[in-house]
Structure formats: structure tokens, C-alpha cells
C-alpha atoms as a PDB file:
ATOM      1  CA  MET A   1      63.696 269.459  90.435  1.00  0.00           C
ATOM      2  CA  ASN A   2      64.298 271.882  87.546  1.00  0.00           C
ATOM      3  CA  ILE A   3      66.554 271.317  84.804  1.00  0.00           C
ATOM      4  CA  THR A   4      67.714 273.881  82.374  1.00  0.00           C
ATOM      5  CA  VAL A   5      68.725 272.961  78.748  1.00  0.00           C
ATOM      6  CA  SER A   6      69.882 275.323  76.797  1.00  0.00           C
ATOM      7  CA  LEU A   7      69.676 274.654  73.001  1.00  0.00           C
ATOM      8  CA  ARG A   8      71.071 276.559  69.857  1.00  0.00           C
ATOM      9  CA  VAL A   9      69.306 276.125  66.681  1.00  0.00           C
ATOM     10  CA  ARG A  10      71.961 276.832  63.732  1.00  0.00           C
ATOM     11  CA  ASN A  11      71.325 276.918  59.879  1.00  0.00           C
ATOM     12  CA  GLY A  12      73.563 274.441  57.996  1.00  0.00           C
ATOM     13  CA  LEU A  13      75.296 277.682  56.130  1.00  0.00           C
ATOM     14  CA  ASP A  14      75.881 279.362  59.295  1.00  0.00           C
ATOM     15  CA  PRO A  15      79.867 280.368  58.727  1.00  0.00           C
ATOM     16  CA  TYR A  16      80.649 279.312  62.487  1.00  0.00           C
ATOM     17  CA  LEU A  17      79.658 275.657  61.239  1.00  0.00           C
ATOM     18  CA  VAL A  18      81.360 276.377  57.957  1.00  0.00           C
ATOM     19  CA  ALA A  19      84.624 277.635  60.114  1.00  0.00           C
ATOM     20  CA  GLU A  20      84.312 274.430  62.627  1.00  0.00           C
ATOM     21  CA  VAL A  21      84.366 271.733  59.698  1.00  0.00           C
ATOM     22  CA  LEU A  22      87.291 273.739  57.642  1.00  0.00           C
ATOM     23  CA  THR A  23      89.645 273.847  60.721  1.00  0.00           C
ATOM     24  CA  GLU A  24      88.497 270.410  62.197  1.00  0.00           C
ATOM     25  CA  ASN A  25      87.257 272.131  65.418  1.00  0.00           C
ATOM     26  CA  THR A  26      90.414 273.938  66.143  1.00  0.00           C
ATOM     27  CA  PHE A  27      89.327 277.568  64.713  1.00  0.00           C
ATOM     28  CA  ASN A  28      93.051 278.308  63.744  1.00  0.00           C
ATOM     29  CA  PHE A  29      93.002 280.026  60.548  1.00  0.00           C
ATOM     30  CA  GLY A  30      96.909 279.994  60.262  1.00  0.00           C
ATOM     31  CA  ILE A  31      99.306 283.125  60.694  1.00  0.00           C
ATOM     32  CA  SER A  32      98.193 286.455  61.207  1.00  0.00           C
ATOM     33  CA  SER A  33      98.669 289.071  58.720  1.00  0.00           C
ATOM     34  CA  ARG A  34     101.265 291.024  61.116  1.00  0.00           C
ATOM     35  CA  ASP A  35     103.259 287.800  61.437  1.00  0.00           C
ATOM     36  CA  MET A  36     103.201 287.380  57.657  1.00  0.00           C
ATOM     37  CA  PHE A  37     104.502 290.898  57.542  1.00  0.00           C
ATOM     38  CA  ILE A  38     107.385 290.208  60.015  1.00  0.00           C
ATOM     39  CA  LEU A  39     108.372 286.980  58.070  1.00  0.00           C
ATOM     40  CA  GLY A  40     108.500 288.890  54.743  1.00  0.00           C
ATOM     41  CA  VAL A  41     110.810 291.228  56.135  1.00  0.00           C
ATOM     42  CA  ALA A  42     112.933 288.691  57.717  1.00  0.00           C
ATOM     43  CA  PHE A  43     112.815 286.644  54.341  1.00  0.00           C
ATOM     44  CA  CYS A  44     114.025 290.359  52.472  1.00  0.00           C
ATOM     45  CA  VAL A  45     116.813 290.824  54.821  1.00  0.00           C
ATOM     46  CA  ILE A  46     118.177 287.300  54.462  1.00  0.00           C
ATOM     47  CA  GLY A  47     117.741 287.639  50.636  1.00  0.00           C
ATOM     48  CA  ALA A  48     119.639 290.637  50.581  1.00  0.00           C
ATOM     49  CA  PHE A  49     122.410 289.235  52.543  1.00  0.00           C
ATOM     50  CA  THR A  50     122.475 286.188  50.199  1.00  0.00           C
ATOM     51  CA  ILE A  51     122.548 288.304  46.839  1.00  0.00           C
ATOM     52  CA  VAL A  52     125.672 290.258  48.514  1.00  0.00           C
ATOM     53  CA  GLN A  53     128.275 287.566  47.783  1.00  0.00           C
ATOM     54  CA  PRO A  54     127.503 286.923  44.175  1.00  0.00           C
ATOM     55  CA  VAL A  55     127.213 290.974  43.270  1.00  0.00           C
ATOM     56  CA  VAL A  56     130.580 291.458  44.980  1.00  0.00           C
ATOM     57  CA  TYR A  57     132.110 288.751  43.169  1.00  0.00           C
ATOM     58  CA  ILE A  58     131.267 289.660  39.874  1.00  0.00           C
ATOM     59  CA  TRP A  59     131.908 292.951  40.484  1.00  0.00           C
ATOM     60  CA  LYS A  60     135.760 291.944  41.684  1.00  0.00           C
ATOM     61  CA  ILE A  61     135.994 289.770  38.378  1.00  0.00           C
ATOM     62  CA  ARG A  62     135.008 292.914  36.332  1.00  0.00           C
ATOM     63  CA  ASN A  63     137.559 294.839  37.951  1.00  0.00           C
ATOM     64  CA  ASP A  64     140.103 292.507  37.122  1.00  0.00           C
ATOM     65  CA  MET A  65     139.253 292.189  33.878  1.00  0.00           C
ATOM     66  CA  LYS A  66     139.405 295.519  33.239  1.00  0.00           C
ATOM     67  CA  GLU A  67     143.030 295.773  34.850  1.00  0.00           C
ATOM     68  CA  VAL A  68     143.931 292.935  32.427  1.00  0.00           C
ATOM     69  CA  ASP A  69     142.780 294.672  29.321  1.00  0.00           C
ATOM     70  CA  TYR A  70     144.456 297.920  30.528  1.00  0.00           C
ATOM     71  CA  LYS A  71     147.793 296.065  31.063  1.00  0.00           C
ATOM     72  CA  ARG A  72     147.393 294.424  27.571  1.00  0.00           C
ATOM     73  CA  GLU A  73     146.538 297.744  26.178  1.00  0.00           C
ATOM     74  CA  ARG A  74     149.912 299.260  27.508  1.00  0.00           C
ATOM     75  CA  VAL A  75     152.165 296.647  26.605  1.00  0.00           C
ATOM     76  CA  ALA A  76     150.684 296.824  22.836  1.00  0.00           C
ATOM     77  CA  LYS A  77     151.326 300.428  22.855  1.00  0.00           C
ATOM     78  CA  ARG A  78     155.049 300.142  24.074  1.00  0.00           C
ATOM     79  CA  LYS A  79     155.575 297.408  21.627  1.00  0.00           C
ATOM     80  CA  GLU A  80     154.343 300.003  18.888  1.00  0.00           C
ATOM     81  CA  GLU A  81     156.389 302.402  20.142  1.00  0.00           C
ATOM     82  CA  TYR A  82     159.461 300.228  20.212  1.00  0.00           C
ATOM     83  CA  HIS A  83     158.676 299.095  16.532  1.00  0.00           C
ATOM     84  CA  SER A  84     158.570 302.884  15.558  1.00  0.00           C
ATOM     85  CA  TYR A  85     161.771 303.569  17.429  1.00  0.00           C
ATOM     86  CA  LEU A  86     163.387 300.744  15.200  1.00  0.00           C
ATOM     87  CA  ASP A  87     162.159 301.921  12.497  1.00  0.00           C
ATOM     88  CA  GLU A  88     163.503 305.627  12.957  1.00  0.00           C
ATOM     89  CA  MET A  89     166.970 304.166  13.445  1.00  0.00           C
ATOM     90  CA  PRO A  90     169.432 303.942  10.635  1.00  0.00           C
ATOM     91  CA  ASP A  91     169.910 300.507   9.312  1.00  0.00           C
ATOM     92  CA  SER A  92     173.828 300.415  10.110  1.00  0.00           C
ATOM     93  CA  VAL A  93     172.484 300.535  14.122  1.00  0.00           C
ATOM     94  CA  THR A  94     169.786 297.866  13.623  1.00  0.00           C
ATOM     95  CA  GLU A  95     171.618 294.959  11.669  1.00  0.00           C
ATOM     96  CA  PRO A  96     174.847 293.535  12.246  1.00  0.00           C
ATOM     97  CA  ASP A  97     177.657 293.732  10.085  1.00  0.00           C
END
């Protein structure tokens, strides 16, 4: 009767044993670099879509404010023209008898 026994002797500092201890015998070191890249690109795309709404909102508000300022300037200019027109008229036309 022949019995064959296989025996491996390892040093306590062997990286294989360290990996076994660190991963609790699963040897699963987490996500690969390719998967990390894909996740990074996906998060960047999601972030880009997320930032679009506030940017468009701010752009719209700025344009509305410019339009309001333009209308105020136009009204002020018309008032000024009206007052200068009244100043040019003779007093008999502007004041009642």
C-alpha cells in the first residue's frame, strides 16, 4: 500500500498567505481597473446630465433679467423724451387757463 502525500512548506511572509488572510480566503481583491473606468465614465455622464438643468435655469433667469433691464431703460428713455418734449412746448399749451 503506497500513500502519496503532497506537502508544501511556505514562509510566513509569503504573499499568497498574506493575500489569503487579507481577503478571508476568497482571493477577491475587488473591482478591476476596466470596471472602474466604466463606472467612472457612467458617473461622469450622469453628472453632466445632472448639471444641465441648473445651468439652463440660470441662463434663462439671466436672459429674463437682461430683458427686464432693457425694458426699464426703454421706459426711462421714453419718459425723458416726453419731459423734454413738454419743456419745449410753450407754457400756454401745457398750462390750463
